[in-house]
Amino acid sequence: MESKKISNKYFIRIDRGEEIVSKLIEFCNERSIKLGEISAIGAVNEATIGIFDPLKKEYHSAEFKGTYEILSIMGNITSNNDQPYLHMHIMLSDSEYNAFGGHLNKAIVSATCEVIIDEFEGKLNRFYDEKTGLNLVEL
């Protein structure tokens, strides 16, 4: 992983074989990033994505292995228990140009992943909400 900061934005390249979510959490910890927006494109050969069932208040996830383009990763950075909390969704396309997506749990880069983090001043925390079963942003 390599990065360059320009103004309040970080341009990050995650390399082949690296796992996207863990690398971005590590990056935020090292730079004390508490609040921001994430966007990315690239390619992966392995991904675990999920979808939340609001009636059962639980996530269901599926693993994918193969050749996939990252059409988009979008998300935000907040805090939970003084640790970076990344909430990211991913849209993937397979070799037949079918698109699908969900909550990004894990993804291994197959070629490259180009990420932009737009850091904001301040901090937003999350709290567990019994009604939804989710960690919501405290505003």
C-alpha atoms as a PDB file:
ATOM      1  CA  MET A   1       0.000   0.000   0.000  1.00  0.00           C
ATOM      2  CA  GLU A   2       1.243   3.448  -0.945  1.00  0.00           C
ATOM      3  CA  SER A   3      -0.354   6.840  -0.316  1.00  0.00           C
ATOM      4  CA  LYS A   4      -0.017  10.547  -0.957  1.00  0.00           C
ATOM      5  CA  LYS A   5      -1.817  13.385   0.842  1.00  0.00           C
ATOM      6  CA  ILE A   6      -3.018  16.389  -1.129  1.00  0.00           C
ATOM      7  CA  SER A   7      -4.872  19.003   0.927  1.00  0.00           C
ATOM      8  CA  ASN A   8      -7.365  17.032   3.065  1.00  0.00           C
ATOM      9  CA  LYS A   9      -7.500  14.069   0.656  1.00  0.00           C
ATOM     10  CA  TYR A  10      -5.466  10.876   0.705  1.00  0.00           C
ATOM     11  CA  PHE A  11      -4.823   9.040  -2.549  1.00  0.00           C
ATOM     12  CA  ILE A  12      -4.076   5.406  -1.752  1.00  0.00           C
ATOM     13  CA  ARG A  13      -2.980   2.482  -3.888  1.00  0.00           C
ATOM     14  CA  ILE A  14      -3.666  -0.945  -2.414  1.00  0.00           C
ATOM     15  CA  ASP A  15      -1.575  -3.579  -4.176  1.00  0.00           C
ATOM     16  CA  ARG A  16      -2.129  -7.107  -5.425  1.00  0.00           C
ATOM     17  CA  GLY A  17      -2.689  -9.635  -2.636  1.00  0.00           C
ATOM     18  CA  GLU A  18      -3.582  -7.014  -0.015  1.00  0.00           C
ATOM     19  CA  GLU A  19      -6.940  -7.021   1.761  1.00  0.00           C
ATOM     20  CA  ILE A  20      -8.841  -3.747   1.321  1.00  0.00           C
ATOM     21  CA  VAL A  21     -10.787  -3.396   4.595  1.00  0.00           C
ATOM     22  CA  SER A  22      -7.917  -4.268   6.946  1.00  0.00           C
ATOM     23  CA  LYS A  23      -5.496  -2.019   5.023  1.00  0.00           C
ATOM     24  CA  LEU A  24      -7.873   0.943   5.251  1.00  0.00           C
ATOM     25  CA  ILE A  25      -8.446   0.400   8.984  1.00  0.00           C
ATOM     26  CA  GLU A  26      -4.667   0.241   9.474  1.00  0.00           C
ATOM     27  CA  PHE A  27      -4.286   3.424   7.390  1.00  0.00           C
ATOM     28  CA  CYS A  28      -6.895   5.308   9.466  1.00  0.00           C
ATOM     29  CA  ASN A  29      -5.304   4.147  12.740  1.00  0.00           C
ATOM     30  CA  GLU A  30      -1.805   5.225  11.676  1.00  0.00           C
ATOM     31  CA  ARG A  31      -3.012   8.701  10.675  1.00  0.00           C
ATOM     32  CA  SER A  32      -5.664   9.143  13.392  1.00  0.00           C
ATOM     33  CA  ILE A  33      -8.415   9.670  10.814  1.00  0.00           C
ATOM     34  CA  LYS A  34     -11.670   9.913  12.773  1.00  0.00           C
ATOM     35  CA  LEU A  35     -14.098  11.164  10.114  1.00  0.00           C
ATOM     36  CA  GLY A  36     -14.151  10.915   6.352  1.00  0.00           C
ATOM     37  CA  GLU A  37     -15.563   9.679   3.089  1.00  0.00           C
ATOM     38  CA  ILE A  38     -14.192   6.761   1.054  1.00  0.00           C
ATOM     39  CA  SER A  39     -14.420   6.053  -2.670  1.00  0.00           C
ATOM     40  CA  ALA A  40     -12.516   3.466  -4.712  1.00  0.00           C
ATOM     41  CA  ILE A  41     -12.205   1.496  -7.948  1.00  0.00           C
ATOM     42  CA  GLY A  42     -10.030  -1.463  -8.907  1.00  0.00           C
ATOM     43  CA  ALA A  43     -10.117  -5.238  -9.226  1.00  0.00           C
ATOM     44  CA  VAL A  44     -10.397  -8.182  -6.827  1.00  0.00           C
ATOM     45  CA  ASN A  45     -10.223 -11.960  -7.075  1.00  0.00           C
ATOM     46  CA  GLU A  46     -11.911 -12.683  -3.770  1.00  0.00           C
ATOM     47  CA  ALA A  47     -14.618 -10.793  -1.893  1.00  0.00           C
ATOM     48  CA  THR A  48     -17.039 -11.291   0.972  1.00  0.00           C
ATOM     49  CA  ILE A  49     -20.073  -9.046   0.813  1.00  0.00           C
ATOM     50  CA  GLY A  50     -23.188  -8.909   2.932  1.00  0.00           C
ATOM     51  CA  ILE A  51     -26.726  -7.719   3.075  1.00  0.00           C
ATOM     52  CA  PHE A  52     -28.681  -6.805   6.208  1.00  0.00           C
ATOM     53  CA  ASP A  53     -32.071  -8.376   6.896  1.00  0.00           C
ATOM     54  CA  PRO A  54     -33.934  -5.718   8.917  1.00  0.00           C
ATOM     55  CA  LEU A  55     -36.691  -8.127   9.988  1.00  0.00           C
ATOM     56  CA  LYS A  56     -34.266 -10.613  11.552  1.00  0.00           C
ATOM     57  CA  LYS A  57     -31.702  -7.907  12.438  1.00  0.00           C
ATOM     58  CA  GLU A  58     -28.832  -9.949  11.023  1.00  0.00           C
ATOM     59  CA  TYR A  59     -26.328  -9.865   8.199  1.00  0.00           C
ATOM     60  CA  HIS A  60     -26.104 -12.558   5.559  1.00  0.00           C
ATOM     61  CA  SER A  61     -22.864 -12.760   3.616  1.00  0.00           C
ATOM     62  CA  ALA A  62     -21.550 -14.568   0.580  1.00  0.00           C
ATOM     63  CA  GLU A  63     -18.008 -15.232  -0.647  1.00  0.00           C
ATOM     64  CA  PHE A  64     -17.028 -14.723  -4.269  1.00  0.00           C
ATOM     65  CA  LYS A  65     -13.883 -16.000  -5.970  1.00  0.00           C
ATOM     66  CA  GLY A  66     -12.945 -15.180  -9.550  1.00  0.00           C
ATOM     67  CA  THR A  67     -12.259 -12.147 -11.711  1.00  0.00           C
ATOM     68  CA  TYR A  68     -14.161  -9.046 -10.606  1.00  0.00           C
ATOM     69  CA  GLU A  69     -13.956  -5.346 -11.415  1.00  0.00           C
ATOM     70  CA  ILE A  70     -14.720  -2.968  -8.580  1.00  0.00           C
ATOM     71  CA  LEU A  71     -17.252  -0.641 -10.168  1.00  0.00           C
ATOM     72  CA  SER A  72     -17.448   1.369  -6.974  1.00  0.00           C
ATOM     73  CA  ILE A  73     -16.669   1.340  -3.292  1.00  0.00           C
ATOM     74  CA  MET A  74     -18.320   4.077  -1.335  1.00  0.00           C
ATOM     75  CA  GLY A  75     -18.515   4.612   2.364  1.00  0.00           C
ATOM     76  CA  ASN A  76     -17.668   6.633   5.406  1.00  0.00           C
ATOM     77  CA  ILE A  77     -15.329   6.685   8.362  1.00  0.00           C
ATOM     78  CA  THR A  78     -16.674   7.300  11.847  1.00  0.00           C
ATOM     79  CA  SER A  79     -15.664   5.984  15.288  1.00  0.00           C
ATOM     80  CA  ASN A  80     -16.870   3.180  17.513  1.00  0.00           C
ATOM     81  CA  ASN A  81     -15.262   2.704  20.949  1.00  0.00           C
ATOM     82  CA  ASP A  82     -12.474   5.116  19.876  1.00  0.00           C
ATOM     83  CA  GLN A  83     -11.575   2.894  16.903  1.00  0.00           C
ATOM     84  CA  PRO A  84     -12.078   3.698  13.222  1.00  0.00           C
ATOM     85  CA  TYR A  85     -15.400   2.330  11.990  1.00  0.00           C
ATOM     86  CA  LEU A  86     -15.548   1.898   8.218  1.00  0.00           C
ATOM     87  CA  HIS A  87     -18.981   1.475   6.693  1.00  0.00           C
ATOM     88  CA  MET A  88     -18.442   0.607   3.027  1.00  0.00           C
ATOM     89  CA  HIS A  89     -20.537  -0.791   0.223  1.00  0.00           C
ATOM     90  CA  ILE A  90     -19.097  -2.355  -2.925  1.00  0.00           C
ATOM     91  CA  MET A  91     -20.435  -2.871  -6.445  1.00  0.00           C
ATOM     92  CA  LEU A  92     -18.685  -5.624  -8.423  1.00  0.00           C
ATOM     93  CA  SER A  93     -18.916  -6.784 -12.025  1.00  0.00           C
ATOM     94  CA  ASP A  94     -18.099 -10.342 -13.117  1.00  0.00           C
ATOM     95  CA  SER A  95     -16.570 -11.571 -16.390  1.00  0.00           C
ATOM     96  CA  GLU A  96     -20.022 -11.621 -18.007  1.00  0.00           C
ATOM     97  CA  TYR A  97     -20.656  -7.966 -17.042  1.00  0.00           C
ATOM     98  CA  ASN A  98     -23.211  -8.814 -14.359  1.00  0.00           C
ATOM     99  CA  ALA A  99     -23.176  -6.343 -11.492  1.00  0.00           C
ATOM    100  CA  PHE A 100     -23.938  -7.085  -7.845  1.00  0.00           C
ATOM    101  CA  GLY A 101     -23.015  -5.637  -4.514  1.00  0.00           C
ATOM    102  CA  GLY A 102     -23.579  -5.168  -0.833  1.00  0.00           C
ATOM    103  CA  HIS A 103     -21.791  -4.338   2.402  1.00  0.00           C
ATOM    104  CA  LEU A 104     -18.035  -4.832   2.011  1.00  0.00           C
ATOM    105  CA  ASN A 105     -16.673  -7.270   4.590  1.00  0.00           C
ATOM    106  CA  LYS A 106     -13.440  -8.354   2.914  1.00  0.00           C
ATOM    107  CA  ALA A 107     -11.801  -8.157  -0.528  1.00  0.00           C
ATOM    108  CA  ILE A 108      -8.418  -9.276  -1.866  1.00  0.00           C
ATOM    109  CA  VAL A 109      -6.913  -7.101  -4.609  1.00  0.00           C
ATOM    110  CA  SER A 110      -6.062  -8.940  -7.839  1.00  0.00           C
ATOM    111  CA  ALA A 111      -4.422  -6.070  -9.732  1.00  0.00           C
ATOM    112  CA  THR A 112      -4.801  -2.726  -7.951  1.00  0.00           C
ATOM    113  CA  CYS A 113      -7.276  -0.717  -5.910  1.00  0.00           C
ATOM    114  CA  GLU A 114      -7.273   3.081  -6.083  1.00  0.00           C
ATOM    115  CA  VAL A 115      -8.826   4.701  -3.022  1.00  0.00           C
ATOM    116  CA  ILE A 116      -9.561   8.303  -2.133  1.00  0.00           C
ATOM    117  CA  ILE A 117     -10.226   9.246   1.479  1.00  0.00           C
ATOM    118  CA  ASP A 118     -11.594  12.733   2.009  1.00  0.00           C
ATOM    119  CA  GLU A 119     -10.808  13.539   5.644  1.00  0.00           C
ATOM    120  CA  PHE A 120     -13.084  15.874   7.594  1.00  0.00           C
ATOM    121  CA  GLU A 121     -12.400  17.751  10.806  1.00  0.00           C
ATOM    122  CA  GLY A 122     -14.215  16.465  13.844  1.00  0.00           C
ATOM    123  CA  LYS A 123     -15.486  13.107  14.980  1.00  0.00           C
ATOM    124  CA  LEU A 124     -18.763  11.199  14.831  1.00  0.00           C
ATOM    125  CA  ASN A 125     -19.401   8.197  17.042  1.00  0.00           C
ATOM    126  CA  ARG A 126     -21.642   5.188  16.542  1.00  0.00           C
ATOM    127  CA  PHE A 127     -23.978   3.505  18.971  1.00  0.00           C
ATOM    128  CA  TYR A 128     -25.836   0.217  18.857  1.00  0.00           C
ATOM    129  CA  ASP A 129     -29.545   0.738  18.250  1.00  0.00           C
ATOM    130  CA  GLU A 130     -31.760  -2.067  19.611  1.00  0.00           C
ATOM    131  CA  LYS A 131     -34.676  -1.104  17.358  1.00  0.00           C
ATOM    132  CA  THR A 132     -32.758  -1.550  14.069  1.00  0.00           C
ATOM    133  CA  GLY A 133     -29.998  -3.901  15.193  1.00  0.00           C
ATOM    134  CA  LEU A 134     -27.405  -1.584  13.639  1.00  0.00           C
ATOM    135  CA  ASN A 135     -24.538   0.652  14.758  1.00  0.00           C
ATOM    136  CA  LEU A 136     -26.016   4.064  13.908  1.00  0.00           C
ATOM    137  CA  VAL A 137     -24.248   7.414  13.605  1.00  0.00           C
ATOM    138  CA  GLU A 138     -24.757   9.525  16.719  1.00  0.00           C
ATOM    139  CA  LEU A 139     -25.776  13.025  15.603  1.00  0.00           C
END
